[in-house]
Amino acid sequence: MLSLYHTLVLGGVVLPSDGINGPQSNTIKAQRYIYNQKSDLEMVLVGSSITARINPEYISPHAVSLAMLGMSSQTGLQIIEREKVKPKLLLVELSETILKGEKYKPSQDFIENIYQPLFYWIRLHFPMFRQEYQPVNSIVQSLIKAGTKEKKVLFRFLEEADSTQKSIDSELIEKLIQQQIQAKKYPMSQGVKNAITEESEYIKNKIHKLKNVGVRVVLMDVPNEQRVKDTILEKQLRELFRDLFPENIYEWLPEPPSREWKTNDGIHLVTSSAKEYANFLRTQLLKTAQ
């Protein structure tokens, strides 16, 4: 049975899954990056669930996302540092989510599980043991593909869902946005500032190593709801990151054009706004590459 399943995976009969929950999605992203290394890897995005909302395909067909749900940029940076093939360009999200950094236990456990020597070797040589080919995941993925016929239909459905989201979930969304505003209306504590400074040193170290091997590193601040952005804590966070990563040393993406960025909780962009920001990234990166 294992031999048959292995043959079906290699033959493309068993379809890979994108995961049916957050932890699975994170594992699949990491394993695909590790086991499907390509020499023409153009761009990688690292960050938290904030950056995970950005579909890399909208930026470039050669872009990959290592933005992890519930984790931080440090997780993606660890994976990139370990791998032999490096991207030409690395986009790094800087936000308060870096507090879920190197010392954050779920992130530590995640990296240890991904690189556990025995299972790493087995997954390298037998793809059927990778998370994307787990039988239940593959069945769910097959049902999704059969129901939508092709990915474009699913993307269109998600985009259409955004247009109706306001009428369906407007009260819940507003409540979540207000929670963000309330949580960030007070100044930053010294403890939080110290923790962000400490994690920033770790990120600087990783960036320095990657730049030394020819990787172009660009820092980004993904936009969110303007009302949240105008809070005291958000303003202090942006100022702190600019002080910790000065523009005369680090390359930053410029602020995107002023517009009404839509989120479903104050910080995570809805599909339409995430696509718009991806378009901005593509345009901006093309300009600076010339």
C-alpha atoms as a PDB file:
ATOM      1  CA  MET A   1       0.000   0.000   0.000  1.00  0.00           C
ATOM      2  CA  LEU A   2       2.852   2.392   0.817  1.00  0.00           C
ATOM      3  CA  SER A   3       4.554   1.593  -2.493  1.00  0.00           C
ATOM      4  CA  LEU A   4       1.315   2.235  -4.364  1.00  0.00           C
ATOM      5  CA  TYR A   5       0.726   5.523  -2.548  1.00  0.00           C
ATOM      6  CA  HIS A   6       4.331   6.577  -3.202  1.00  0.00           C
ATOM      7  CA  THR A   7       3.843   5.842  -6.913  1.00  0.00           C
ATOM      8  CA  LEU A   8       0.593   7.817  -7.006  1.00  0.00           C
ATOM      9  CA  VAL A   9       2.309  10.809  -5.372  1.00  0.00           C
ATOM     10  CA  LEU A  10       5.233  10.742  -7.805  1.00  0.00           C
ATOM     11  CA  GLY A  11       2.837  10.305 -10.713  1.00  0.00           C
ATOM     12  CA  GLY A  12       0.822  13.379  -9.743  1.00  0.00           C
ATOM     13  CA  VAL A  13      -2.350  11.392  -9.117  1.00  0.00           C
ATOM     14  CA  VAL A  14      -2.424  12.374  -5.441  1.00  0.00           C
ATOM     15  CA  LEU A  15      -2.805  16.140  -5.336  1.00  0.00           C
ATOM     16  CA  PRO A  16      -0.780  18.180  -2.823  1.00  0.00           C
ATOM     17  CA  SER A  17      -2.744  20.072  -0.194  1.00  0.00           C
ATOM     18  CA  ASP A  18      -2.245  23.626   1.076  1.00  0.00           C
ATOM     19  CA  GLY A  19      -3.369  22.518   4.542  1.00  0.00           C
ATOM     20  CA  ILE A  20      -6.717  22.547   6.299  1.00  0.00           C
ATOM     21  CA  ASN A  21      -5.595  24.539   9.350  1.00  0.00           C
ATOM     22  CA  GLY A  22      -2.911  27.033  10.373  1.00  0.00           C
ATOM     23  CA  PRO A  23      -0.239  24.646  11.731  1.00  0.00           C
ATOM     24  CA  GLN A  24      -0.540  22.414   8.653  1.00  0.00           C
ATOM     25  CA  SER A  25      -0.306  25.412   6.340  1.00  0.00           C
ATOM     26  CA  ASN A  26       2.889  26.531   8.098  1.00  0.00           C
ATOM     27  CA  THR A  27       4.449  23.067   7.857  1.00  0.00           C
ATOM     28  CA  ILE A  28       3.573  22.719   4.172  1.00  0.00           C
ATOM     29  CA  LYS A  29       5.057  26.135   3.356  1.00  0.00           C
ATOM     30  CA  ALA A  30       8.298  25.248   5.113  1.00  0.00           C
ATOM     31  CA  GLN A  31       8.572  21.756   3.629  1.00  0.00           C
ATOM     32  CA  ARG A  32       7.893  23.005   0.094  1.00  0.00           C
ATOM     33  CA  TYR A  33      10.612  25.602   0.498  1.00  0.00           C
ATOM     34  CA  ILE A  34      13.088  23.081   1.887  1.00  0.00           C
ATOM     35  CA  TYR A  35      12.424  20.156  -0.456  1.00  0.00           C
ATOM     36  CA  ASN A  36      11.657  22.026  -3.689  1.00  0.00           C
ATOM     37  CA  GLN A  37      14.693  24.284  -3.884  1.00  0.00           C
ATOM     38  CA  LYS A  38      15.079  26.113  -7.207  1.00  0.00           C
ATOM     39  CA  SER A  39      18.154  27.953  -8.402  1.00  0.00           C
ATOM     40  CA  ASP A  40      16.003  30.727  -9.921  1.00  0.00           C
ATOM     41  CA  LEU A  41      14.350  31.595  -6.587  1.00  0.00           C
ATOM     42  CA  GLU A  42      13.665  35.272  -7.036  1.00  0.00           C
ATOM     43  CA  MET A  43      11.937  36.438  -3.898  1.00  0.00           C
ATOM     44  CA  VAL A  44      10.861  35.224  -0.451  1.00  0.00           C
ATOM     45  CA  LEU A  45       8.528  36.942   2.006  1.00  0.00           C
ATOM     46  CA  VAL A  46       8.957  36.297   5.735  1.00  0.00           C
ATOM     47  CA  GLY A  47       6.677  37.458   8.499  1.00  0.00           C
ATOM     48  CA  SER A  48       3.597  36.582  10.494  1.00  0.00           C
ATOM     49  CA  SER A  49      -0.043  36.009   9.545  1.00  0.00           C
ATOM     50  CA  ILE A  50      -0.090  39.689   8.516  1.00  0.00           C
ATOM     51  CA  THR A  51       2.232  38.961   5.586  1.00  0.00           C
ATOM     52  CA  ALA A  52       0.706  35.506   5.049  1.00  0.00           C
ATOM     53  CA  ARG A  53      -2.359  37.298   3.656  1.00  0.00           C
ATOM     54  CA  ILE A  54      -0.257  38.461   0.675  1.00  0.00           C
ATOM     55  CA  ASN A  55      -0.338  35.939  -2.162  1.00  0.00           C
ATOM     56  CA  PRO A  56       3.257  35.872  -3.550  1.00  0.00           C
ATOM     57  CA  GLU A  57       1.932  34.929  -7.009  1.00  0.00           C
ATOM     58  CA  TYR A  58       0.531  38.452  -7.324  1.00  0.00           C
ATOM     59  CA  ILE A  59       4.060  39.831  -6.928  1.00  0.00           C
ATOM     60  CA  SER A  60       6.028  37.390  -9.069  1.00  0.00           C
ATOM     61  CA  PRO A  61       5.695  33.815 -10.404  1.00  0.00           C
ATOM     62  CA  HIS A  62       9.087  33.185  -8.789  1.00  0.00           C
ATOM     63  CA  ALA A  63       8.108  34.507  -5.347  1.00  0.00           C
ATOM     64  CA  VAL A  64       7.550  32.286  -2.295  1.00  0.00           C
ATOM     65  CA  SER A  65       6.003  33.067   1.082  1.00  0.00           C
ATOM     66  CA  LEU A  66       7.458  31.824   4.362  1.00  0.00           C
ATOM     67  CA  ALA A  67       5.113  34.039   6.389  1.00  0.00           C
ATOM     68  CA  MET A  68       3.820  31.847   9.204  1.00  0.00           C
ATOM     69  CA  LEU A  69       0.475  31.972  10.974  1.00  0.00           C
ATOM     70  CA  GLY A  70       0.970  32.666  14.675  1.00  0.00           C
ATOM     71  CA  MET A  71       4.725  33.090  14.292  1.00  0.00           C
ATOM     72  CA  SER A  72       7.118  35.805  13.163  1.00  0.00           C
ATOM     73  CA  SER A  73       9.792  36.875  10.678  1.00  0.00           C
ATOM     74  CA  GLN A  74      12.424  35.120  12.777  1.00  0.00           C
ATOM     75  CA  THR A  75      10.961  31.714  11.868  1.00  0.00           C
ATOM     76  CA  GLY A  76      11.298  32.313   8.130  1.00  0.00           C
ATOM     77  CA  LEU A  77      14.776  33.805   8.560  1.00  0.00           C
ATOM     78  CA  GLN A  78      15.968  30.670  10.376  1.00  0.00           C
ATOM     79  CA  ILE A  79      14.779  28.469   7.516  1.00  0.00           C
ATOM     80  CA  ILE A  80      16.386  30.643   4.828  1.00  0.00           C
ATOM     81  CA  GLU A  81      19.681  30.754   6.737  1.00  0.00           C
ATOM     82  CA  ARG A  82      19.780  26.952   6.988  1.00  0.00           C
ATOM     83  CA  GLU A  83      19.164  26.310   3.283  1.00  0.00           C
ATOM     84  CA  LYS A  84      21.916  26.266   0.679  1.00  0.00           C
ATOM     85  CA  VAL A  85      19.956  28.052  -2.055  1.00  0.00           C
ATOM     86  CA  LYS A  86      19.301  31.671  -1.131  1.00  0.00           C
ATOM     87  CA  PRO A  87      16.740  34.019  -2.716  1.00  0.00           C
ATOM     88  CA  LYS A  88      17.888  37.031  -4.697  1.00  0.00           C
ATOM     89  CA  LEU A  89      15.481  39.239  -2.734  1.00  0.00           C
ATOM     90  CA  LEU A  90      14.082  38.898   0.779  1.00  0.00           C
ATOM     91  CA  LEU A  91      11.123  40.921   2.074  1.00  0.00           C
ATOM     92  CA  VAL A  92      11.013  41.073   5.874  1.00  0.00           C
ATOM     93  CA  GLU A  93       7.928  42.134   7.826  1.00  0.00           C
ATOM     94  CA  LEU A  94       8.712  44.292  10.854  1.00  0.00           C
ATOM     95  CA  SER A  95       5.859  44.582  13.321  1.00  0.00           C
ATOM     96  CA  GLU A  96       5.121  43.840  16.949  1.00  0.00           C
ATOM     97  CA  THR A  97       4.756  40.169  15.940  1.00  0.00           C
ATOM     98  CA  ILE A  98       8.555  39.831  16.208  1.00  0.00           C
ATOM     99  CA  LEU A  99       7.902  39.386  19.932  1.00  0.00           C
ATOM    100  CA  LYS A 100       6.970  35.832  18.893  1.00  0.00           C
ATOM    101  CA  GLY A 101      10.623  35.365  18.097  1.00  0.00           C
ATOM    102  CA  GLU A 102      13.469  32.907  18.565  1.00  0.00           C
ATOM    103  CA  LYS A 103      12.560  32.239  22.208  1.00  0.00           C
ATOM    104  CA  TYR A 104       8.876  31.674  21.403  1.00  0.00           C
ATOM    105  CA  LYS A 105       8.299  27.960  22.131  1.00  0.00           C
ATOM    106  CA  PRO A 106       5.878  27.138  19.247  1.00  0.00           C
ATOM    107  CA  SER A 107       8.431  28.615  16.834  1.00  0.00           C
ATOM    108  CA  GLN A 108      11.274  26.603  18.411  1.00  0.00           C
ATOM    109  CA  ASP A 109       9.273  23.386  18.284  1.00  0.00           C
ATOM    110  CA  PHE A 110       8.306  24.083  14.678  1.00  0.00           C
ATOM    111  CA  ILE A 111      11.923  24.464  13.507  1.00  0.00           C
ATOM    112  CA  GLU A 112      13.073  21.419  15.497  1.00  0.00           C
ATOM    113  CA  ASN A 113      10.324  19.252  13.995  1.00  0.00           C
ATOM    114  CA  ILE A 114      11.041  20.445  10.453  1.00  0.00           C
ATOM    115  CA  TYR A 115      14.752  19.639  10.718  1.00  0.00           C
ATOM    116  CA  GLN A 116      14.570  16.506  12.885  1.00  0.00           C
ATOM    117  CA  PRO A 117      17.349  14.467  11.153  1.00  0.00           C
ATOM    118  CA  LEU A 118      15.566  11.127  10.641  1.00  0.00           C
ATOM    119  CA  PHE A 119      12.244  12.550   9.458  1.00  0.00           C
ATOM    120  CA  TYR A 120      14.045  15.165   7.353  1.00  0.00           C
ATOM    121  CA  TRP A 121      15.822  12.381   5.450  1.00  0.00           C
ATOM    122  CA  ILE A 122      12.634  10.329   5.043  1.00  0.00           C
ATOM    123  CA  ARG A 123      10.626  13.300   3.723  1.00  0.00           C
ATOM    124  CA  LEU A 124      13.482  14.272   1.412  1.00  0.00           C
ATOM    125  CA  HIS A 125      13.503  10.900  -0.352  1.00  0.00           C
ATOM    126  CA  PHE A 126       9.850   9.893   0.074  1.00  0.00           C
ATOM    127  CA  PRO A 127       7.535  12.860  -0.631  1.00  0.00           C
ATOM    128  CA  MET A 128       4.457  10.901   0.468  1.00  0.00           C
ATOM    129  CA  PHE A 129       5.530  11.538   4.074  1.00  0.00           C
ATOM    130  CA  ARG A 130       5.401  15.305   3.654  1.00  0.00           C
ATOM    131  CA  GLN A 131       2.472  17.140   5.219  1.00  0.00           C
ATOM    132  CA  GLU A 132       1.024  18.201   1.844  1.00  0.00           C
ATOM    133  CA  TYR A 133       0.506  14.549   0.857  1.00  0.00           C
ATOM    134  CA  GLN A 134      -1.145  13.348   4.044  1.00  0.00           C
ATOM    135  CA  PRO A 135      -4.181  11.326   2.858  1.00  0.00           C
ATOM    136  CA  VAL A 136      -6.874  13.411   4.569  1.00  0.00           C
ATOM    137  CA  ASN A 137      -5.348  16.671   3.322  1.00  0.00           C
ATOM    138  CA  SER A 138      -5.073  15.328  -0.219  1.00  0.00           C
ATOM    139  CA  ILE A 139      -8.691  14.165  -0.220  1.00  0.00           C
ATOM    140  CA  VAL A 140      -9.873  17.580   0.977  1.00  0.00           C
ATOM    141  CA  GLN A 141      -7.725  19.285  -1.668  1.00  0.00           C
ATOM    142  CA  SER A 142      -9.150  17.010  -4.376  1.00  0.00           C
ATOM    143  CA  LEU A 143     -12.683  17.833  -3.313  1.00  0.00           C
ATOM    144  CA  ILE A 144     -11.906  21.562  -3.388  1.00  0.00           C
ATOM    145  CA  LYS A 145     -10.394  21.314  -6.858  1.00  0.00           C
ATOM    146  CA  ALA A 146     -13.264  19.196  -8.120  1.00  0.00           C
ATOM    147  CA  GLY A 147     -15.808  21.645  -6.737  1.00  0.00           C
ATOM    148  CA  THR A 148     -14.117  24.772  -8.101  1.00  0.00           C
ATOM    149  CA  LYS A 149     -12.631  23.153 -11.252  1.00  0.00           C
ATOM    150  CA  GLU A 150      -9.592  25.388 -11.109  1.00  0.00           C
ATOM    151  CA  LYS A 151      -7.794  27.685  -8.695  1.00  0.00           C
ATOM    152  CA  LYS A 152      -8.917  30.856 -10.431  1.00  0.00           C
ATOM    153  CA  VAL A 153     -12.516  30.085  -9.563  1.00  0.00           C
ATOM    154  CA  LEU A 154     -11.566  29.769  -5.897  1.00  0.00           C
ATOM    155  CA  PHE A 155      -9.629  33.052  -5.948  1.00  0.00           C
ATOM    156  CA  ARG A 156     -12.581  34.785  -7.602  1.00  0.00           C
ATOM    157  CA  PHE A 157     -14.872  33.359  -4.942  1.00  0.00           C
ATOM    158  CA  LEU A 158     -12.625  34.736  -2.189  1.00  0.00           C
ATOM    159  CA  GLU A 159     -12.531  38.149  -3.830  1.00  0.00           C
ATOM    160  CA  GLU A 160     -16.298  38.172  -4.183  1.00  0.00           C
ATOM    161  CA  ALA A 161     -16.551  37.151  -0.536  1.00  0.00           C
ATOM    162  CA  ASP A 162     -14.656  40.320   0.375  1.00  0.00           C
ATOM    163  CA  SER A 163     -17.301  42.445  -1.333  1.00  0.00           C
ATOM    164  CA  THR A 164     -20.055  40.929   0.807  1.00  0.00           C
ATOM    165  CA  GLN A 165     -18.018  40.684   3.987  1.00  0.00           C
ATOM    166  CA  LYS A 166     -18.985  44.135   5.202  1.00  0.00           C
ATOM    167  CA  SER A 167     -22.696  43.411   5.103  1.00  0.00           C
ATOM    168  CA  ILE A 168     -22.337  39.948   6.664  1.00  0.00           C
ATOM    169  CA  ASP A 169     -19.721  40.559   9.338  1.00  0.00           C
ATOM    170  CA  SER A 170     -19.667  44.342   9.735  1.00  0.00           C
ATOM    171  CA  GLU A 171     -20.570  44.328  13.428  1.00  0.00           C
ATOM    172  CA  LEU A 172     -17.985  41.678  14.304  1.00  0.00           C
ATOM    173  CA  ILE A 173     -15.271  43.388  12.229  1.00  0.00           C
ATOM    174  CA  GLU A 174     -15.985  46.736  13.869  1.00  0.00           C
ATOM    175  CA  LYS A 175     -15.822  45.123  17.301  1.00  0.00           C
ATOM    176  CA  LEU A 176     -12.409  43.569  16.501  1.00  0.00           C
ATOM    177  CA  ILE A 177     -11.098  46.870  15.154  1.00  0.00           C
ATOM    178  CA  GLN A 178     -12.220  48.670  18.303  1.00  0.00           C
ATOM    179  CA  GLN A 179     -10.438  46.049  20.404  1.00  0.00           C
ATOM    180  CA  GLN A 180      -7.218  46.817  18.524  1.00  0.00           C
ATOM    181  CA  ILE A 181      -7.720  50.549  19.019  1.00  0.00           C
ATOM    182  CA  GLN A 182      -8.355  50.128  22.741  1.00  0.00           C
ATOM    183  CA  ALA A 183      -5.313  47.868  23.167  1.00  0.00           C
ATOM    184  CA  LYS A 184      -3.030  50.323  21.379  1.00  0.00           C
ATOM    185  CA  LYS A 185      -4.207  53.664  22.686  1.00  0.00           C
ATOM    186  CA  TYR A 186      -1.659  53.609  25.505  1.00  0.00           C
ATOM    187  CA  PRO A 187       2.103  54.287  25.211  1.00  0.00           C
ATOM    188  CA  MET A 188       4.546  51.417  24.854  1.00  0.00           C
ATOM    189  CA  SER A 189       5.871  49.955  28.101  1.00  0.00           C
ATOM    190  CA  GLN A 190       9.604  49.816  28.715  1.00  0.00           C
ATOM    191  CA  GLY A 191       9.387  46.022  28.914  1.00  0.00           C
ATOM    192  CA  VAL A 192       7.885  45.762  25.424  1.00  0.00           C
ATOM    193  CA  LYS A 193      10.441  48.201  24.058  1.00  0.00           C
ATOM    194  CA  ASN A 194      13.308  46.179  25.551  1.00  0.00           C
ATOM    195  CA  ALA A 195      11.882  42.922  24.157  1.00  0.00           C
ATOM    196  CA  ILE A 196      11.483  44.378  20.655  1.00  0.00           C
ATOM    197  CA  THR A 197      15.023  45.774  20.799  1.00  0.00           C
ATOM    198  CA  GLU A 198      16.371  42.351  21.795  1.00  0.00           C
ATOM    199  CA  GLU A 199      14.516  40.527  19.012  1.00  0.00           C
ATOM    200  CA  SER A 200      15.591  43.201  16.535  1.00  0.00           C
ATOM    201  CA  GLU A 201      19.228  42.401  17.296  1.00  0.00           C
ATOM    202  CA  TYR A 202      18.553  38.789  16.357  1.00  0.00           C
ATOM    203  CA  ILE A 203      16.938  39.895  13.075  1.00  0.00           C
ATOM    204  CA  LYS A 204      19.834  42.256  12.339  1.00  0.00           C
ATOM    205  CA  ASN A 205      22.277  39.399  12.778  1.00  0.00           C
ATOM    206  CA  LYS A 206      20.359  37.205  10.313  1.00  0.00           C
ATOM    207  CA  ILE A 207      20.036  40.052   7.811  1.00  0.00           C
ATOM    208  CA  HIS A 208      23.760  40.781   8.039  1.00  0.00           C
ATOM    209  CA  LYS A 209      24.633  37.141   7.281  1.00  0.00           C
ATOM    210  CA  LEU A 210      22.239  36.986   4.329  1.00  0.00           C
ATOM    211  CA  LYS A 211      23.459  40.260   2.859  1.00  0.00           C
ATOM    212  CA  ASN A 212      27.019  38.964   3.070  1.00  0.00           C
ATOM    213  CA  VAL A 213      26.110  36.107   0.702  1.00  0.00           C
ATOM    214  CA  GLY A 214      24.456  38.438  -1.814  1.00  0.00           C
ATOM    215  CA  VAL A 215      20.821  38.526  -0.712  1.00  0.00           C
ATOM    216  CA  ARG A 216      19.083  41.861  -1.133  1.00  0.00           C
ATOM    217  CA  VAL A 217      17.013  42.449   2.027  1.00  0.00           C
ATOM    218  CA  VAL A 218      14.097  44.892   2.036  1.00  0.00           C
ATOM    219  CA  LEU A 219      12.119  45.728   5.171  1.00  0.00           C
ATOM    220  CA  MET A 220       8.392  46.385   5.012  1.00  0.00           C
ATOM    221  CA  ASP A 221       5.600  47.646   7.210  1.00  0.00           C
ATOM    222  CA  VAL A 222       2.376  46.098   5.916  1.00  0.00           C
ATOM    223  CA  PRO A 223      -0.490  48.644   6.085  1.00  0.00           C
ATOM    224  CA  ASN A 224      -3.497  48.156   8.301  1.00  0.00           C
ATOM    225  CA  GLU A 225      -6.678  49.975   9.291  1.00  0.00           C
ATOM    226  CA  GLN A 226      -5.977  53.724   9.442  1.00  0.00           C
ATOM    227  CA  ARG A 227      -7.743  54.086  12.794  1.00  0.00           C
ATOM    228  CA  VAL A 228      -5.417  51.453  14.264  1.00  0.00           C
ATOM    229  CA  LYS A 229      -2.399  53.009  12.568  1.00  0.00           C
ATOM    230  CA  ASP A 230      -3.197  56.344  14.241  1.00  0.00           C
ATOM    231  CA  THR A 231      -3.050  54.913  17.769  1.00  0.00           C
ATOM    232  CA  ILE A 232      -0.249  55.953  20.145  1.00  0.00           C
ATOM    233  CA  LEU A 233       1.313  52.475  20.328  1.00  0.00           C
ATOM    234  CA  GLU A 234       1.327  51.971  16.537  1.00  0.00           C
ATOM    235  CA  LYS A 235       3.049  55.324  16.006  1.00  0.00           C
ATOM    236  CA  GLN A 236       5.645  54.456  18.636  1.00  0.00           C
ATOM    237  CA  LEU A 237       6.234  51.040  17.053  1.00  0.00           C
ATOM    238  CA  ARG A 238       6.885  52.557  13.615  1.00  0.00           C
ATOM    239  CA  GLU A 239       9.233  55.130  15.103  1.00  0.00           C
ATOM    240  CA  LEU A 240      11.084  52.484  17.132  1.00  0.00           C
ATOM    241  CA  PHE A 241      11.620  50.234  14.111  1.00  0.00           C
ATOM    242  CA  ARG A 242      12.946  53.141  12.077  1.00  0.00           C
ATOM    243  CA  ASP A 243      15.397  53.906  14.883  1.00  0.00           C
ATOM    244  CA  LEU A 244      16.464  50.275  15.241  1.00  0.00           C
ATOM    245  CA  PHE A 245      16.749  49.767  11.474  1.00  0.00           C
ATOM    246  CA  PRO A 246      17.871  53.188  10.157  1.00  0.00           C
ATOM    247  CA  GLU A 247      17.336  53.893   6.456  1.00  0.00           C
ATOM    248  CA  ASN A 248      20.989  54.769   5.917  1.00  0.00           C
ATOM    249  CA  ILE A 249      21.860  51.135   6.726  1.00  0.00           C
ATOM    250  CA  TYR A 250      18.742  49.126   5.862  1.00  0.00           C
ATOM    251  CA  GLU A 251      16.575  49.291   2.762  1.00  0.00           C
ATOM    252  CA  TRP A 252      12.909  49.998   3.491  1.00  0.00           C
ATOM    253  CA  LEU A 253       9.948  49.865   1.168  1.00  0.00           C
ATOM    254  CA  PRO A 254       8.324  53.292   0.940  1.00  0.00           C
ATOM    255  CA  GLU A 255       4.889  53.876   2.373  1.00  0.00           C
ATOM    256  CA  PRO A 256       2.164  52.751  -0.057  1.00  0.00           C
ATOM    257  CA  PRO A 257      -0.186  55.352  -1.555  1.00  0.00           C
ATOM    258  CA  SER A 258      -2.739  56.713   0.877  1.00  0.00           C
ATOM    259  CA  ARG A 259      -5.965  54.756   0.570  1.00  0.00           C
ATOM    260  CA  GLU A 260      -8.527  52.972   2.700  1.00  0.00           C
ATOM    261  CA  TRP A 261      -6.924  49.629   3.511  1.00  0.00           C
ATOM    262  CA  LYS A 262      -9.602  47.159   4.543  1.00  0.00           C
ATOM    263  CA  THR A 263      -9.010  44.551   7.233  1.00  0.00           C
ATOM    264  CA  ASN A 264     -11.176  41.971   8.942  1.00  0.00           C
ATOM    265  CA  ASP A 265      -9.833  42.721  12.427  1.00  0.00           C
ATOM    266  CA  GLY A 266      -7.841  45.950  12.239  1.00  0.00           C
ATOM    267  CA  ILE A 267      -4.506  44.426  11.222  1.00  0.00           C
ATOM    268  CA  HIS A 268      -5.045  41.574   8.714  1.00  0.00           C
ATOM    269  CA  LEU A 269      -5.849  42.773   5.191  1.00  0.00           C
ATOM    270  CA  VAL A 270      -8.859  41.306   3.400  1.00  0.00           C
ATOM    271  CA  THR A 271      -8.144  39.600   0.076  1.00  0.00           C
ATOM    272  CA  SER A 272      -8.814  42.628  -2.126  1.00  0.00           C
ATOM    273  CA  SER A 273      -6.561  44.945  -0.081  1.00  0.00           C
ATOM    274  CA  ALA A 274      -3.857  42.251   0.176  1.00  0.00           C
ATOM    275  CA  LYS A 275      -3.914  41.949  -3.617  1.00  0.00           C
ATOM    276  CA  GLU A 276      -3.654  45.734  -3.950  1.00  0.00           C
ATOM    277  CA  TYR A 277      -0.654  45.797  -1.638  1.00  0.00           C
ATOM    278  CA  ALA A 278       0.960  42.934  -3.581  1.00  0.00           C
ATOM    279  CA  ASN A 279       0.536  44.995  -6.761  1.00  0.00           C
ATOM    280  CA  PHE A 280       2.216  47.911  -4.998  1.00  0.00           C
ATOM    281  CA  LEU A 281       5.101  45.662  -3.952  1.00  0.00           C
ATOM    282  CA  ARG A 282       5.577  44.399  -7.505  1.00  0.00           C
ATOM    283  CA  THR A 283       5.582  47.911  -8.968  1.00  0.00           C
ATOM    284  CA  GLN A 284       7.920  49.280  -6.305  1.00  0.00           C
ATOM    285  CA  LEU A 285      10.402  46.430  -6.553  1.00  0.00           C
ATOM    286  CA  LEU A 286      10.497  46.707 -10.339  1.00  0.00           C
ATOM    287  CA  LYS A 287      11.345  50.410  -9.993  1.00  0.00           C
ATOM    288  CA  THR A 288      14.204  49.837  -7.567  1.00  0.00           C
ATOM    289  CA  ALA A 289      15.565  46.929  -9.624  1.00  0.00           C
ATOM    290  CA  GLN A 290      16.073  49.176 -12.679  1.00  0.00           C
END
